[in-house]
Amino acid sequence: MSDLFWLTDEQMERLRPFFPKSHGKPRVDDRCVLSGIIFVNRNGMRWRDAPREYGPHKTLYNRWKRWGDMGIFMRMMDGLSAAKAEPQTVMIDATYLKAHRTASGLRLKRGYRPPDRTH
């Protein structure tokens, strides 16, 4: 798949101070997992549909959930916005809409007439 997203060496160096310390067993490659998390969120995919090049989808989800609960992503955003970076427009969209499966299937019952509102 040629349209995969990969963080550059420079981007990883800027993000590295925000990663939590690894305790015990070494973690799966942070670049691979973080690139996969960004790819899944950017494309609005299910974790299960993440390309295999990023590693197991369960690892992507677990890291996203754990780091989100620990506030790692918020610290990354705060730290990057406070750093003296080149001025540019940065937009983050956290929109998430989900409709119930019956939301589009509302049908009027046969013989139903709306109430007369003339009075």
C-alpha atoms as a PDB file:
ATOM      1  CA  MET A   1       0.000   0.000   0.000  1.00  0.00           C
ATOM      2  CA  SER A   2       1.724   3.157  -1.182  1.00  0.00           C
ATOM      3  CA  ASP A   3      -0.476   5.688   0.592  1.00  0.00           C
ATOM      4  CA  LEU A   4       0.580   4.750   4.130  1.00  0.00           C
ATOM      5  CA  PHE A   5       1.474   7.532   6.549  1.00  0.00           C
ATOM      6  CA  TRP A   6       4.881   7.455   8.243  1.00  0.00           C
ATOM      7  CA  LEU A   7       6.292   9.977  10.696  1.00  0.00           C
ATOM      8  CA  THR A   8       9.705  11.342   9.683  1.00  0.00           C
ATOM      9  CA  ASP A   9      12.875  11.134  11.815  1.00  0.00           C
ATOM     10  CA  GLU A  10      12.569  14.840  12.602  1.00  0.00           C
ATOM     11  CA  GLN A  11       8.944  14.454  13.719  1.00  0.00           C
ATOM     12  CA  MET A  12       9.818  11.486  15.917  1.00  0.00           C
ATOM     13  CA  GLU A  13      12.640  13.406  17.592  1.00  0.00           C
ATOM     14  CA  ARG A  14      10.237  16.234  18.412  1.00  0.00           C
ATOM     15  CA  LEU A  15       7.696  13.769  19.843  1.00  0.00           C
ATOM     16  CA  ARG A  16      10.110  11.480  21.713  1.00  0.00           C
ATOM     17  CA  PRO A  17      10.206  13.551  24.950  1.00  0.00           C
ATOM     18  CA  PHE A  18       6.454  13.077  25.345  1.00  0.00           C
ATOM     19  CA  PHE A  19       6.472   9.267  25.176  1.00  0.00           C
ATOM     20  CA  PRO A  20       6.083   7.498  28.526  1.00  0.00           C
ATOM     21  CA  LYS A  21       9.006   5.481  29.818  1.00  0.00           C
ATOM     22  CA  SER A  22       8.968   1.795  29.000  1.00  0.00           C
ATOM     23  CA  HIS A  23       8.852  -0.484  32.044  1.00  0.00           C
ATOM     24  CA  GLY A  24       9.835  -4.124  31.724  1.00  0.00           C
ATOM     25  CA  LYS A  25       9.143  -5.618  28.309  1.00  0.00           C
ATOM     26  CA  PRO A  26      10.287  -3.398  25.392  1.00  0.00           C
ATOM     27  CA  ARG A  27       7.463  -1.737  23.478  1.00  0.00           C
ATOM     28  CA  VAL A  28       6.642  -2.248  19.829  1.00  0.00           C
ATOM     29  CA  ASP A  29       8.292   0.444  17.678  1.00  0.00           C
ATOM     30  CA  ASP A  30       6.763   3.811  18.653  1.00  0.00           C
ATOM     31  CA  ARG A  31       7.082   5.219  15.118  1.00  0.00           C
ATOM     32  CA  CYS A  32       5.193   2.316  13.623  1.00  0.00           C
ATOM     33  CA  VAL A  33       2.396   2.422  16.190  1.00  0.00           C
ATOM     34  CA  LEU A  34       2.006   6.209  16.271  1.00  0.00           C
ATOM     35  CA  SER A  35       2.006   6.369  12.460  1.00  0.00           C
ATOM     36  CA  GLY A  36      -0.695   3.675  12.461  1.00  0.00           C
ATOM     37  CA  ILE A  37      -2.790   5.561  15.018  1.00  0.00           C
ATOM     38  CA  ILE A  38      -2.578   8.720  12.924  1.00  0.00           C
ATOM     39  CA  PHE A  39      -3.437   6.791   9.753  1.00  0.00           C
ATOM     40  CA  VAL A  40      -6.506   5.151  11.299  1.00  0.00           C
ATOM     41  CA  ASN A  41      -7.807   8.387  12.817  1.00  0.00           C
ATOM     42  CA  ARG A  42      -7.086  10.465   9.706  1.00  0.00           C
ATOM     43  CA  ASN A  43      -8.970   8.036   7.463  1.00  0.00           C
ATOM     44  CA  GLY A  44     -11.823   7.317   9.889  1.00  0.00           C
ATOM     45  CA  MET A  45     -11.146   3.597   9.823  1.00  0.00           C
ATOM     46  CA  ARG A  46     -11.911   0.852  12.275  1.00  0.00           C
ATOM     47  CA  TRP A  47      -8.846  -0.361  14.179  1.00  0.00           C
ATOM     48  CA  ARG A  48      -9.389  -3.806  12.691  1.00  0.00           C
ATOM     49  CA  ASP A  49      -8.969  -2.372   9.174  1.00  0.00           C
ATOM     50  CA  ALA A  50      -5.531  -0.851   9.831  1.00  0.00           C
ATOM     51  CA  PRO A  51      -2.875  -1.999   7.329  1.00  0.00           C
ATOM     52  CA  ARG A  52      -0.630  -4.791   8.625  1.00  0.00           C
ATOM     53  CA  GLU A  53       2.480  -2.666   8.050  1.00  0.00           C
ATOM     54  CA  TYR A  54       1.615  -0.788  11.258  1.00  0.00           C
ATOM     55  CA  GLY A  55       1.492  -3.950  13.337  1.00  0.00           C
ATOM     56  CA  PRO A  56      -1.408  -5.703  15.074  1.00  0.00           C
ATOM     57  CA  HIS A  57      -4.590  -3.622  15.233  1.00  0.00           C
ATOM     58  CA  LYS A  58      -4.997  -4.560  18.893  1.00  0.00           C
ATOM     59  CA  THR A  59      -1.615  -2.960  19.670  1.00  0.00           C
ATOM     60  CA  LEU A  60      -2.649   0.240  17.871  1.00  0.00           C
ATOM     61  CA  TYR A  61      -5.904   0.435  19.789  1.00  0.00           C
ATOM     62  CA  ASN A  62      -4.351  -0.441  23.172  1.00  0.00           C
ATOM     63  CA  ARG A  63      -1.621   2.186  22.774  1.00  0.00           C
ATOM     64  CA  TRP A  64      -4.148   4.811  21.605  1.00  0.00           C
ATOM     65  CA  LYS A  65      -6.450   4.060  24.544  1.00  0.00           C
ATOM     66  CA  ARG A  66      -3.698   3.848  27.158  1.00  0.00           C
ATOM     67  CA  TRP A  67      -1.883   6.985  26.002  1.00  0.00           C
ATOM     68  CA  GLY A  68      -5.169   8.868  25.697  1.00  0.00           C
ATOM     69  CA  ASP A  69      -6.117   7.945  29.265  1.00  0.00           C
ATOM     70  CA  MET A  70      -2.653   8.994  30.477  1.00  0.00           C
ATOM     71  CA  GLY A  71      -2.922  12.372  28.714  1.00  0.00           C
ATOM     72  CA  ILE A  72       0.070  11.692  26.449  1.00  0.00           C
ATOM     73  CA  PHE A  73      -1.610  13.080  23.331  1.00  0.00           C
ATOM     74  CA  MET A  74      -2.695  16.256  25.153  1.00  0.00           C
ATOM     75  CA  ARG A  75       0.884  16.785  26.375  1.00  0.00           C
ATOM     76  CA  MET A  76       2.157  16.257  22.836  1.00  0.00           C
ATOM     77  CA  MET A  77      -0.216  18.898  21.474  1.00  0.00           C
ATOM     78  CA  ASP A  78       0.544  21.341  24.288  1.00  0.00           C
ATOM     79  CA  GLY A  79       4.286  20.802  23.930  1.00  0.00           C
ATOM     80  CA  LEU A  80       4.284  21.144  20.159  1.00  0.00           C
ATOM     81  CA  SER A  81       2.126  24.263  20.227  1.00  0.00           C
ATOM     82  CA  ALA A  82       4.365  25.858  22.862  1.00  0.00           C
ATOM     83  CA  ALA A  83       7.571  25.034  20.966  1.00  0.00           C
ATOM     84  CA  LYS A  84       8.946  27.664  18.659  1.00  0.00           C
ATOM     85  CA  ALA A  85       7.893  26.046  15.440  1.00  0.00           C
ATOM     86  CA  GLU A  86       7.505  27.546  12.015  1.00  0.00           C
ATOM     87  CA  PRO A  87       4.245  29.501  11.847  1.00  0.00           C
ATOM     88  CA  GLN A  88       1.654  27.514   9.973  1.00  0.00           C
ATOM     89  CA  THR A  89      -1.973  26.591  10.231  1.00  0.00           C
ATOM     90  CA  VAL A  90      -2.684  23.562  12.373  1.00  0.00           C
ATOM     91  CA  MET A  91      -6.209  22.228  12.568  1.00  0.00           C
ATOM     92  CA  ILE A  92      -7.419  19.321  14.619  1.00  0.00           C
ATOM     93  CA  ASP A  93     -10.908  18.012  13.992  1.00  0.00           C
ATOM     94  CA  ALA A  94     -12.366  15.789  16.661  1.00  0.00           C
ATOM     95  CA  THR A  95     -15.750  15.420  15.010  1.00  0.00           C
ATOM     96  CA  TYR A  96     -17.283  12.021  15.437  1.00  0.00           C
ATOM     97  CA  LEU A  97     -20.810  11.340  14.306  1.00  0.00           C
ATOM     98  CA  LYS A  98     -22.566   8.058  14.612  1.00  0.00           C
ATOM     99  CA  ALA A  99     -26.172   7.390  13.718  1.00  0.00           C
ATOM    100  CA  HIS A 100     -28.190   4.477  14.943  1.00  0.00           C
ATOM    101  CA  ARG A 101     -28.826   1.917  12.228  1.00  0.00           C
ATOM    102  CA  THR A 102     -32.549   2.705  12.283  1.00  0.00           C
ATOM    103  CA  ALA A 103     -32.056   6.466  11.924  1.00  0.00           C
ATOM    104  CA  SER A 104     -32.377   6.413   8.156  1.00  0.00           C
ATOM    105  CA  GLY A 105     -35.127   3.841   8.043  1.00  0.00           C
ATOM    106  CA  LEU A 106     -37.992   5.809   9.561  1.00  0.00           C
ATOM    107  CA  ARG A 107     -41.044   5.195   7.461  1.00  0.00           C
ATOM    108  CA  LEU A 108     -44.551   6.419   7.888  1.00  0.00           C
ATOM    109  CA  LYS A 109     -47.091   3.765   8.691  1.00  0.00           C
ATOM    110  CA  ARG A 110     -49.756   3.170   6.091  1.00  0.00           C
ATOM    111  CA  GLY A 111     -52.886   5.114   6.753  1.00  0.00           C
ATOM    112  CA  TYR A 112     -51.119   7.575   9.061  1.00  0.00           C
ATOM    113  CA  ARG A 113     -52.162  11.194   8.611  1.00  0.00           C
ATOM    114  CA  PRO A 114     -50.519  14.060  10.384  1.00  0.00           C
ATOM    115  CA  PRO A 115     -52.817  15.896  12.768  1.00  0.00           C
ATOM    116  CA  ASP A 116     -54.824  18.788  11.315  1.00  0.00           C
ATOM    117  CA  ARG A 117     -53.295  21.968  12.711  1.00  0.00           C
ATOM    118  CA  THR A 118     -55.700  24.466  11.211  1.00  0.00           C
ATOM    119  CA  HIS A 119     -57.216  25.586  14.505  1.00  0.00           C
END
